[in-house]
Amino acid sequence: MTAVRTRDSVRTRKNILHAAELEFAEKGFYGARVDRIAERADINKRMIYEYFGGKEKLYRTVLVHVYGRLGEQEVGLLTQDMGCIEAMEKLIRLHFEFLQENPTYVRLILWENLNQGKHFQKNDFRNARDPALVQIRKMIRKGKAEGVFRESVEEDQFLLSLITFSFPYFSNRYTLSKLLGMSMEKKEDLNKRVDHVTEILLSYLCSQNYREKNR
């Protein structure tokens, strides 16, 4: 009976998180309603308070869960045995493909920035993203030690560029496609953007000697 209860508890928690992710992504923290989350999860509203303690704690849990989803993929990629150039190429593509496959992530980040990040505590962010950031920094340092990456590369600047080059493609695609009169919906559009961003970021990362050898 204990094993059954545990499975039911895990399933219920998973259903609540999924329903809450959809609701918060659509309406934001202030527009979302616990009643609608319960209805989407097909549970009694009381269970949300039982499992998560309330709307704000549930919202924070959803944010950590969604951030952690990207982090898990990054760690899974960067702990494989590969060269640092290949790792960075795959990391850049991973970011674009993750954002394409997780539209709720994009919307949640937009909502939280509108709220000035006040619901997302620093420790939550560290737990969700630190393992991945450690692996990215480690790969950059490996590239420097091998003479493939420039010594002057700043890890924080690379990370900031990785995020800011990929995220707006999805968060601003509807206005950008009209403003620039270009398609941003097709697979070939995405591949073209990935190739362009990869070229920019590798130009920043790679040492002059490496670039000359590989012309």
C-alpha atoms as a PDB file:
ATOM      1  CA  MET A   1       0.000   0.000   0.000  1.00  0.00           C
ATOM      2  CA  THR A   2       2.873   2.369   0.806  1.00  0.00           C
ATOM      3  CA  ALA A   3       4.377   1.901  -2.677  1.00  0.00           C
ATOM      4  CA  VAL A   4       0.985   2.599  -4.269  1.00  0.00           C
ATOM      5  CA  ARG A   5       0.544   5.769  -2.208  1.00  0.00           C
ATOM      6  CA  THR A   6       4.041   6.888  -3.175  1.00  0.00           C
ATOM      7  CA  ARG A   7       3.319   6.354  -6.890  1.00  0.00           C
ATOM      8  CA  ASP A   8       0.019   8.193  -6.563  1.00  0.00           C
ATOM      9  CA  SER A   9       1.741  11.043  -4.741  1.00  0.00           C
ATOM     10  CA  VAL A  10       4.415  11.351  -7.418  1.00  0.00           C
ATOM     11  CA  ARG A  11       1.794  11.259 -10.172  1.00  0.00           C
ATOM     12  CA  THR A  12      -0.359  13.878  -8.436  1.00  0.00           C
ATOM     13  CA  ARG A  13       2.599  16.191  -7.909  1.00  0.00           C
ATOM     14  CA  LYS A  14       3.620  15.788 -11.552  1.00  0.00           C
ATOM     15  CA  ASN A  15       0.082  16.556 -12.754  1.00  0.00           C
ATOM     16  CA  ILE A  16      -0.131  19.671 -10.584  1.00  0.00           C
ATOM     17  CA  LEU A  17       3.226  20.960 -11.863  1.00  0.00           C
ATOM     18  CA  HIS A  18       2.227  20.371 -15.482  1.00  0.00           C
ATOM     19  CA  ALA A  19      -1.132  22.109 -15.045  1.00  0.00           C
ATOM     20  CA  ALA A  20       0.476  24.980 -13.153  1.00  0.00           C
ATOM     21  CA  GLU A  21       3.152  25.434 -15.812  1.00  0.00           C
ATOM     22  CA  LEU A  22       0.495  25.848 -18.482  1.00  0.00           C
ATOM     23  CA  GLU A  23      -1.623  28.206 -16.377  1.00  0.00           C
ATOM     24  CA  PHE A  24       1.261  30.423 -15.241  1.00  0.00           C
ATOM     25  CA  ALA A  25       2.697  30.540 -18.773  1.00  0.00           C
ATOM     26  CA  GLU A  26      -0.650  31.700 -20.156  1.00  0.00           C
ATOM     27  CA  LYS A  27      -1.711  34.117 -17.419  1.00  0.00           C
ATOM     28  CA  GLY A  28       1.397  34.986 -15.401  1.00  0.00           C
ATOM     29  CA  PHE A  29       1.515  34.795 -11.610  1.00  0.00           C
ATOM     30  CA  TYR A  30      -1.160  37.404 -10.966  1.00  0.00           C
ATOM     31  CA  GLY A  31      -3.573  36.243 -13.646  1.00  0.00           C
ATOM     32  CA  ALA A  32      -3.329  32.535 -12.825  1.00  0.00           C
ATOM     33  CA  ARG A  33      -5.957  30.989 -10.574  1.00  0.00           C
ATOM     34  CA  VAL A  34      -5.530  28.024  -8.243  1.00  0.00           C
ATOM     35  CA  ASP A  35      -9.054  26.863  -9.168  1.00  0.00           C
ATOM     36  CA  ARG A  36      -8.058  26.613 -12.838  1.00  0.00           C
ATOM     37  CA  ILE A  37      -4.845  24.764 -11.995  1.00  0.00           C
ATOM     38  CA  ALA A  38      -6.822  22.248  -9.937  1.00  0.00           C
ATOM     39  CA  GLU A  39      -9.313  21.824 -12.759  1.00  0.00           C
ATOM     40  CA  ARG A  40      -6.540  21.271 -15.295  1.00  0.00           C
ATOM     41  CA  ALA A  41      -4.851  18.727 -13.016  1.00  0.00           C
ATOM     42  CA  ASP A  42      -8.225  17.068 -12.314  1.00  0.00           C
ATOM     43  CA  ILE A  43      -7.753  17.262  -8.539  1.00  0.00           C
ATOM     44  CA  ASN A  44      -9.294  18.913  -5.507  1.00  0.00           C
ATOM     45  CA  LYS A  45      -7.894  22.416  -4.923  1.00  0.00           C
ATOM     46  CA  ARG A  46      -7.005  21.442  -1.360  1.00  0.00           C
ATOM     47  CA  MET A  47      -4.309  19.110  -2.692  1.00  0.00           C
ATOM     48  CA  ILE A  48      -2.383  22.024  -4.200  1.00  0.00           C
ATOM     49  CA  TYR A  49      -2.042  23.557  -0.755  1.00  0.00           C
ATOM     50  CA  GLU A  50      -1.199  20.166   0.705  1.00  0.00           C
ATOM     51  CA  TYR A  51       1.607  19.518  -1.784  1.00  0.00           C
ATOM     52  CA  PHE A  52       2.954  23.042  -2.338  1.00  0.00           C
ATOM     53  CA  GLY A  53       1.656  25.239   0.467  1.00  0.00           C
ATOM     54  CA  GLY A  54       0.024  27.833  -1.778  1.00  0.00           C
ATOM     55  CA  LYS A  55       0.072  29.669  -5.075  1.00  0.00           C
ATOM     56  CA  GLU A  56       3.387  31.502  -4.648  1.00  0.00           C
ATOM     57  CA  LYS A  57       5.315  28.412  -3.554  1.00  0.00           C
ATOM     58  CA  LEU A  58       3.790  26.482  -6.451  1.00  0.00           C
ATOM     59  CA  TYR A  59       4.833  29.231  -8.864  1.00  0.00           C
ATOM     60  CA  ARG A  60       8.404  29.205  -7.566  1.00  0.00           C
ATOM     61  CA  THR A  61       8.495  25.409  -7.823  1.00  0.00           C
ATOM     62  CA  VAL A  62       7.349  25.616 -11.440  1.00  0.00           C
ATOM     63  CA  LEU A  63      10.078  28.139 -12.265  1.00  0.00           C
ATOM     64  CA  VAL A  64      12.761  25.958 -10.665  1.00  0.00           C
ATOM     65  CA  HIS A  65      11.386  22.900 -12.452  1.00  0.00           C
ATOM     66  CA  VAL A  66      11.431  24.610 -15.866  1.00  0.00           C
ATOM     67  CA  TYR A  67      14.892  26.140 -15.392  1.00  0.00           C
ATOM     68  CA  GLY A  68      16.161  22.771 -14.201  1.00  0.00           C
ATOM     69  CA  ARG A  69      14.850  21.086 -17.349  1.00  0.00           C
ATOM     70  CA  LEU A  70      17.287  23.102 -19.470  1.00  0.00           C
ATOM     71  CA  GLY A  71      20.091  22.587 -16.974  1.00  0.00           C
ATOM     72  CA  GLU A  72      19.693  18.821 -17.042  1.00  0.00           C
ATOM     73  CA  GLN A  73      20.052  18.777 -20.817  1.00  0.00           C
ATOM     74  CA  GLU A  74      23.130  21.005 -20.684  1.00  0.00           C
ATOM     75  CA  VAL A  75      24.817  18.795 -18.084  1.00  0.00           C
ATOM     76  CA  GLY A  76      23.905  15.668 -20.052  1.00  0.00           C
ATOM     77  CA  LEU A  77      25.549  17.156 -23.136  1.00  0.00           C
ATOM     78  CA  LEU A  78      28.671  18.647 -21.573  1.00  0.00           C
ATOM     79  CA  THR A  79      29.607  15.586 -19.520  1.00  0.00           C
ATOM     80  CA  GLN A  80      30.009  13.559 -22.730  1.00  0.00           C
ATOM     81  CA  ASP A  81      33.487  12.919 -24.101  1.00  0.00           C
ATOM     82  CA  MET A  82      34.019  15.461 -26.890  1.00  0.00           C
ATOM     83  CA  GLY A  83      36.250  18.345 -27.907  1.00  0.00           C
ATOM     84  CA  CYS A  84      35.483  21.847 -26.642  1.00  0.00           C
ATOM     85  CA  ILE A  85      34.619  23.222 -30.101  1.00  0.00           C
ATOM     86  CA  GLU A  86      32.122  20.430 -30.737  1.00  0.00           C
ATOM     87  CA  ALA A  87      30.703  20.870 -27.234  1.00  0.00           C
ATOM     88  CA  MET A  88      30.050  24.572 -27.787  1.00  0.00           C
ATOM     89  CA  GLU A  89      28.495  23.969 -31.196  1.00  0.00           C
ATOM     90  CA  LYS A  90      26.128  21.418 -29.670  1.00  0.00           C
ATOM     91  CA  LEU A  91      25.419  23.656 -26.666  1.00  0.00           C
ATOM     92  CA  ILE A  92      24.333  26.530 -28.909  1.00  0.00           C
ATOM     93  CA  ARG A  93      22.029  24.260 -30.898  1.00  0.00           C
ATOM     94  CA  LEU A  94      20.665  22.751 -27.694  1.00  0.00           C
ATOM     95  CA  HIS A  95      19.587  26.208 -26.486  1.00  0.00           C
ATOM     96  CA  PHE A  96      17.684  26.939 -29.679  1.00  0.00           C
ATOM     97  CA  GLU A  97      16.043  23.530 -29.837  1.00  0.00           C
ATOM     98  CA  PHE A  98      15.101  23.618 -26.153  1.00  0.00           C
ATOM     99  CA  LEU A  99      13.402  26.991 -26.568  1.00  0.00           C
ATOM    100  CA  GLN A 100      11.580  25.762 -29.652  1.00  0.00           C
ATOM    101  CA  GLU A 101      10.320  22.672 -27.828  1.00  0.00           C
ATOM    102  CA  ASN A 102       9.463  24.488 -24.567  1.00  0.00           C
ATOM    103  CA  PRO A 103       7.295  27.523 -25.355  1.00  0.00           C
ATOM    104  CA  THR A 104       6.077  27.627 -21.744  1.00  0.00           C
ATOM    105  CA  TYR A 105       9.674  28.281 -20.659  1.00  0.00           C
ATOM    106  CA  VAL A 106       9.816  31.337 -22.916  1.00  0.00           C
ATOM    107  CA  ARG A 107       6.508  32.715 -21.626  1.00  0.00           C
ATOM    108  CA  LEU A 108       7.364  32.075 -17.974  1.00  0.00           C
ATOM    109  CA  ILE A 109      10.661  33.938 -18.286  1.00  0.00           C
ATOM    110  CA  LEU A 110       8.891  36.849 -19.985  1.00  0.00           C
ATOM    111  CA  TRP A 111       6.298  37.024 -17.202  1.00  0.00           C
ATOM    112  CA  GLU A 112       8.919  36.828 -14.472  1.00  0.00           C
ATOM    113  CA  ASN A 113      10.957  39.628 -16.044  1.00  0.00           C
ATOM    114  CA  LEU A 114       7.815  41.782 -16.149  1.00  0.00           C
ATOM    115  CA  ASN A 115       7.556  41.112 -12.409  1.00  0.00           C
ATOM    116  CA  GLN A 116      11.243  42.121 -11.993  1.00  0.00           C
ATOM    117  CA  GLY A 117      12.180  38.589 -10.959  1.00  0.00           C
ATOM    118  CA  LYS A 118      10.747  39.073  -7.481  1.00  0.00           C
ATOM    119  CA  HIS A 119       9.262  35.590  -7.140  1.00  0.00           C
ATOM    120  CA  PHE A 120      12.451  33.787  -8.054  1.00  0.00           C
ATOM    121  CA  GLN A 121      14.846  33.526  -5.141  1.00  0.00           C
ATOM    122  CA  LYS A 122      18.588  33.399  -5.646  1.00  0.00           C
ATOM    123  CA  ASN A 123      19.001  30.011  -3.979  1.00  0.00           C
ATOM    124  CA  ASP A 124      16.287  28.536  -6.205  1.00  0.00           C
ATOM    125  CA  PHE A 125      18.181  29.726  -9.276  1.00  0.00           C
ATOM    126  CA  ARG A 126      21.466  28.313  -8.010  1.00  0.00           C
ATOM    127  CA  ASN A 127      19.953  24.889  -7.399  1.00  0.00           C
ATOM    128  CA  ALA A 128      18.350  24.838 -10.837  1.00  0.00           C
ATOM    129  CA  ARG A 129      21.196  26.182 -12.958  1.00  0.00           C
ATOM    130  CA  ASP A 130      24.520  25.965 -11.115  1.00  0.00           C
ATOM    131  CA  PRO A 131      25.437  22.395 -12.182  1.00  0.00           C
ATOM    132  CA  ALA A 132      25.057  23.390 -15.852  1.00  0.00           C
ATOM    133  CA  LEU A 133      26.916  26.674 -15.454  1.00  0.00           C
ATOM    134  CA  VAL A 134      29.768  24.817 -13.763  1.00  0.00           C
ATOM    135  CA  GLN A 135      30.040  22.479 -16.768  1.00  0.00           C
ATOM    136  CA  ILE A 136      29.978  25.352 -19.283  1.00  0.00           C
ATOM    137  CA  ARG A 137      32.699  27.238 -17.386  1.00  0.00           C
ATOM    138  CA  LYS A 138      34.740  24.040 -17.138  1.00  0.00           C
ATOM    139  CA  MET A 139      34.514  23.552 -20.913  1.00  0.00           C
ATOM    140  CA  ILE A 140      35.672  27.122 -21.554  1.00  0.00           C
ATOM    141  CA  ARG A 141      38.650  26.636 -19.214  1.00  0.00           C
ATOM    142  CA  LYS A 142      39.474  23.360 -20.924  1.00  0.00           C
ATOM    143  CA  GLY A 143      39.505  25.173 -24.270  1.00  0.00           C
ATOM    144  CA  LYS A 144      41.856  27.821 -22.865  1.00  0.00           C
ATOM    145  CA  ALA A 145      44.194  25.192 -21.420  1.00  0.00           C
ATOM    146  CA  GLU A 146      44.364  23.451 -24.815  1.00  0.00           C
ATOM    147  CA  GLY A 147      45.036  26.716 -26.621  1.00  0.00           C
ATOM    148  CA  VAL A 148      41.809  26.424 -28.609  1.00  0.00           C
ATOM    149  CA  PHE A 149      40.022  29.282 -26.823  1.00  0.00           C
ATOM    150  CA  ARG A 150      41.445  32.748 -26.208  1.00  0.00           C
ATOM    151  CA  GLU A 151      42.769  33.491 -22.718  1.00  0.00           C
ATOM    152  CA  SER A 152      40.827  36.769 -22.743  1.00  0.00           C
ATOM    153  CA  VAL A 153      37.435  35.047 -23.105  1.00  0.00           C
ATOM    154  CA  GLU A 154      35.146  36.113 -20.250  1.00  0.00           C
ATOM    155  CA  GLU A 155      32.907  33.278 -19.134  1.00  0.00           C
ATOM    156  CA  ASP A 156      30.072  35.549 -18.003  1.00  0.00           C
ATOM    157  CA  GLN A 157      30.079  37.436 -21.298  1.00  0.00           C
ATOM    158  CA  PHE A 158      29.902  34.198 -23.261  1.00  0.00           C
ATOM    159  CA  LEU A 159      27.003  32.957 -21.126  1.00  0.00           C
ATOM    160  CA  LEU A 160      25.166  36.251 -21.506  1.00  0.00           C
ATOM    161  CA  SER A 161      25.639  36.175 -25.275  1.00  0.00           C
ATOM    162  CA  LEU A 162      24.504  32.550 -25.507  1.00  0.00           C
ATOM    163  CA  ILE A 163      21.242  33.452 -23.770  1.00  0.00           C
ATOM    164  CA  THR A 164      20.609  36.800 -25.451  1.00  0.00           C
ATOM    165  CA  PHE A 165      21.336  35.476 -28.955  1.00  0.00           C
ATOM    166  CA  SER A 166      18.896  32.578 -28.594  1.00  0.00           C
ATOM    167  CA  PHE A 167      16.022  33.699 -26.341  1.00  0.00           C
ATOM    168  CA  PRO A 168      14.745  36.720 -28.369  1.00  0.00           C
ATOM    169  CA  TYR A 169      14.433  34.553 -31.474  1.00  0.00           C
ATOM    170  CA  PHE A 170      11.466  32.928 -29.723  1.00  0.00           C
ATOM    171  CA  SER A 171      10.262  35.642 -27.348  1.00  0.00           C
ATOM    172  CA  ASN A 172      10.166  38.322 -30.091  1.00  0.00           C
ATOM    173  CA  ARG A 173       9.646  36.207 -33.199  1.00  0.00           C
ATOM    174  CA  TYR A 174       6.150  37.509 -34.004  1.00  0.00           C
ATOM    175  CA  THR A 175       7.171  41.156 -34.051  1.00  0.00           C
ATOM    176  CA  LEU A 176      10.647  40.563 -35.506  1.00  0.00           C
ATOM    177  CA  SER A 177       9.334  38.517 -38.428  1.00  0.00           C
ATOM    178  CA  LYS A 178       6.991  41.373 -39.378  1.00  0.00           C
ATOM    179  CA  LEU A 179       9.529  44.103 -38.714  1.00  0.00           C
ATOM    180  CA  LEU A 180      12.228  42.437 -40.817  1.00  0.00           C
ATOM    181  CA  GLY A 181       9.867  40.853 -43.330  1.00  0.00           C
ATOM    182  CA  MET A 182      11.443  37.440 -42.855  1.00  0.00           C
ATOM    183  CA  SER A 183      10.295  33.930 -42.024  1.00  0.00           C
ATOM    184  CA  MET A 184      11.192  32.617 -38.544  1.00  0.00           C
ATOM    185  CA  GLU A 185       8.899  29.610 -38.284  1.00  0.00           C
ATOM    186  CA  LYS A 186      10.422  26.972 -40.566  1.00  0.00           C
ATOM    187  CA  LYS A 187      13.122  24.466 -39.624  1.00  0.00           C
ATOM    188  CA  GLU A 188      15.498  25.934 -42.207  1.00  0.00           C
ATOM    189  CA  ASP A 189      14.976  29.410 -40.668  1.00  0.00           C
ATOM    190  CA  LEU A 190      16.025  28.060 -37.277  1.00  0.00           C
ATOM    191  CA  ASN A 191      19.038  26.223 -38.711  1.00  0.00           C
ATOM    192  CA  LYS A 192      20.183  29.377 -40.470  1.00  0.00           C
ATOM    193  CA  ARG A 193      19.984  31.329 -37.220  1.00  0.00           C
ATOM    194  CA  VAL A 194      21.802  28.603 -35.283  1.00  0.00           C
ATOM    195  CA  ASP A 195      24.622  28.591 -37.846  1.00  0.00           C
ATOM    196  CA  HIS A 196      24.912  32.380 -37.691  1.00  0.00           C
ATOM    197  CA  VAL A 197      25.017  32.526 -33.885  1.00  0.00           C
ATOM    198  CA  THR A 198      27.474  29.624 -33.780  1.00  0.00           C
ATOM    199  CA  GLU A 199      29.814  31.478 -36.109  1.00  0.00           C
ATOM    200  CA  ILE A 200      29.637  34.630 -33.966  1.00  0.00           C
ATOM    201  CA  LEU A 201      30.216  32.858 -30.654  1.00  0.00           C
ATOM    202  CA  LEU A 202      33.012  30.631 -31.942  1.00  0.00           C
ATOM    203  CA  SER A 203      34.734  33.696 -33.405  1.00  0.00           C
ATOM    204  CA  TYR A 204      34.701  35.147 -29.901  1.00  0.00           C
ATOM    205  CA  LEU A 205      35.853  31.946 -28.219  1.00  0.00           C
ATOM    206  CA  CYS A 206      38.544  30.666 -30.571  1.00  0.00           C
ATOM    207  CA  SER A 207      42.146  31.788 -30.454  1.00  0.00           C
ATOM    208  CA  GLN A 208      43.790  33.480 -33.434  1.00  0.00           C
ATOM    209  CA  ASN A 209      46.162  30.532 -33.880  1.00  0.00           C
ATOM    210  CA  TYR A 210      43.291  28.086 -33.987  1.00  0.00           C
ATOM    211  CA  ARG A 211      41.360  30.200 -36.508  1.00  0.00           C
ATOM    212  CA  GLU A 212      44.414  30.506 -38.779  1.00  0.00           C
ATOM    213  CA  LYS A 213      45.079  26.751 -38.662  1.00  0.00           C
ATOM    214  CA  ASN A 214      41.517  25.942 -39.593  1.00  0.00           C
ATOM    215  CA  ARG A 215      40.984  28.387 -42.457  1.00  0.00           C
END
